[in-house]
């Protein structure tokens, strides 16, 4: 099967192969919001399943609000299960401590 490149939503990065991992360095909270909102917006537009795991300096409600401004119908995507926005404690330390195998299974 030939994999097609996917639009990342990040102009500087361009198109990427499925499974590509990105590392982002940012200086301000606004830098973080700008890049991640574009990335998740493109994923939703491409009908992909998205999981946004937040941590400081950006909490879940702030991420949700920023994405809602860009997408407009975020509640529709949430209700149909196409995107989940979770605090890092809900994903990485559900049992009270980090368990790598559990994170990989999730």
Protein backbone atom coordinates (compact mmCIF):
# COMPACT_ATOMS: atom_id res chain seq x y z
CA UNK A 1 0.00 0.00 0.00
CA UNK A 2 1.35 3.40 -0.96
CA UNK A 3 1.03 5.99 1.78
CA UNK A 4 0.01 9.46 0.69
CA UNK A 5 1.44 12.50 2.39
CA UNK A 6 -0.95 14.32 4.70
CA UNK A 7 -1.31 18.05 5.10
CA UNK A 8 0.12 18.89 8.52
CA UNK A 9 -1.56 22.28 8.76
CA UNK A 10 1.84 23.74 9.63
CA UNK A 11 3.20 25.80 6.74
CA UNK A 12 6.82 25.43 7.83
CA UNK A 13 6.51 21.62 8.01
CA UNK A 14 4.35 21.06 4.94
CA UNK A 15 3.05 17.58 4.09
CA UNK A 16 4.10 14.58 6.18
CA UNK A 17 3.79 10.79 6.06
CA UNK A 18 1.32 9.03 8.36
CA UNK A 19 3.02 8.26 11.67
CA UNK A 20 5.42 11.18 11.52
CA UNK A 21 6.38 12.49 14.95
CA UNK A 22 7.08 16.16 15.44
CA UNK A 23 8.89 17.99 18.20
CA UNK A 24 8.02 21.61 18.66
CA UNK A 25 10.04 24.27 20.44
CA UNK A 26 8.18 27.44 21.29
CA UNK A 27 8.86 30.64 23.18
CA UNK A 28 5.41 31.82 24.19
CA UNK A 29 2.03 30.35 25.01
CA UNK A 30 0.70 32.06 21.86
CA UNK A 31 3.35 30.29 19.73
CA UNK A 32 2.14 26.97 21.14
CA UNK A 33 -1.51 27.79 20.46
CA UNK A 34 -0.83 28.99 16.91
CA UNK A 35 0.96 25.84 15.83
CA UNK A 36 -1.26 23.31 17.61
CA UNK A 37 -4.56 24.87 16.59
CA UNK A 38 -3.48 24.78 12.92
CA UNK A 39 -2.36 21.16 13.28
CA UNK A 40 -5.58 19.91 14.90
CA UNK A 41 -7.80 22.00 12.62
CA UNK A 42 -6.21 20.32 9.59
CA UNK A 43 -6.60 16.90 11.16
CA UNK A 44 -10.31 17.48 11.76
CA UNK A 45 -10.78 18.79 8.22
CA UNK A 46 -9.11 15.61 6.92
CA UNK A 47 -11.54 13.48 8.95
CA UNK A 48 -8.78 12.12 11.18
CA UNK A 49 -9.14 11.04 14.79
CA UNK A 50 -7.35 13.58 16.98
CA UNK A 51 -6.17 13.48 20.59
CA UNK A 52 -4.86 16.69 22.13
CA UNK A 53 -3.19 16.08 25.47
CA UNK A 54 -2.57 19.39 27.19
CA UNK A 55 -0.14 20.48 29.87
CA UNK A 56 1.09 23.77 31.23
CA UNK A 57 1.08 26.47 29.99
CA UNK A 58 -2.12 25.46 28.14
CA UNK A 59 -5.03 23.84 29.95
CA UNK A 60 -7.85 21.85 28.30
CA UNK A 61 -10.43 24.64 28.40
CA UNK A 62 -8.00 27.14 26.88
CA UNK A 63 -7.09 24.70 24.11
CA UNK A 64 -10.76 23.99 23.46
CA UNK A 65 -11.56 27.71 23.28
CA UNK A 66 -8.68 28.43 20.88
CA UNK A 67 -9.65 25.51 18.62
CA UNK A 68 -13.33 26.52 18.69
CA UNK A 69 -12.39 29.95 17.32
CA UNK A 70 -10.55 28.34 14.40
CA UNK A 71 -12.94 25.49 13.67
CA UNK A 72 -16.32 26.94 14.68
CA UNK A 73 -18.13 23.61 15.06
CA UNK A 74 -15.79 21.96 17.55
CA UNK A 75 -18.68 20.63 19.62
CA UNK A 76 -19.81 18.56 16.61
CA UNK A 77 -16.37 16.97 16.31
CA UNK A 78 -16.31 16.27 20.05
CA UNK A 79 -19.80 14.78 20.14
CA UNK A 80 -19.07 12.40 17.26
CA UNK A 81 -15.82 11.35 18.94
CA UNK A 82 -13.43 12.66 16.29
CA UNK A 83 -11.38 14.63 18.82
CA UNK A 84 -10.58 14.26 22.48
CA UNK A 85 -8.99 16.99 24.54
CA UNK A 86 -7.45 15.67 27.75
CA UNK A 87 -5.32 17.00 30.56
CA UNK A 88 -1.97 15.23 30.74
CA UNK A 89 -2.99 13.74 34.10
CA UNK A 90 -5.93 11.97 32.41
CA UNK A 91 -3.57 10.35 29.90
CA UNK A 92 -0.10 9.87 31.38
CA UNK A 93 -0.79 9.41 35.09
CA UNK A 94 -4.34 8.05 35.40
CA UNK A 95 -3.26 5.64 38.12
CA UNK A 96 -1.43 8.37 40.02
CA UNK A 97 1.97 7.64 38.49
CA UNK A 98 3.40 7.29 35.00
CA UNK A 99 3.03 3.81 33.52
CA UNK A 100 4.55 3.66 30.03
CA UNK A 101 2.88 0.38 29.00
CA UNK A 102 -0.56 1.76 29.87
CA UNK A 103 0.10 4.92 27.85
CA UNK A 104 1.19 2.87 24.83
CA UNK A 105 -1.93 0.67 25.03
CA UNK A 106 -4.18 3.73 25.19
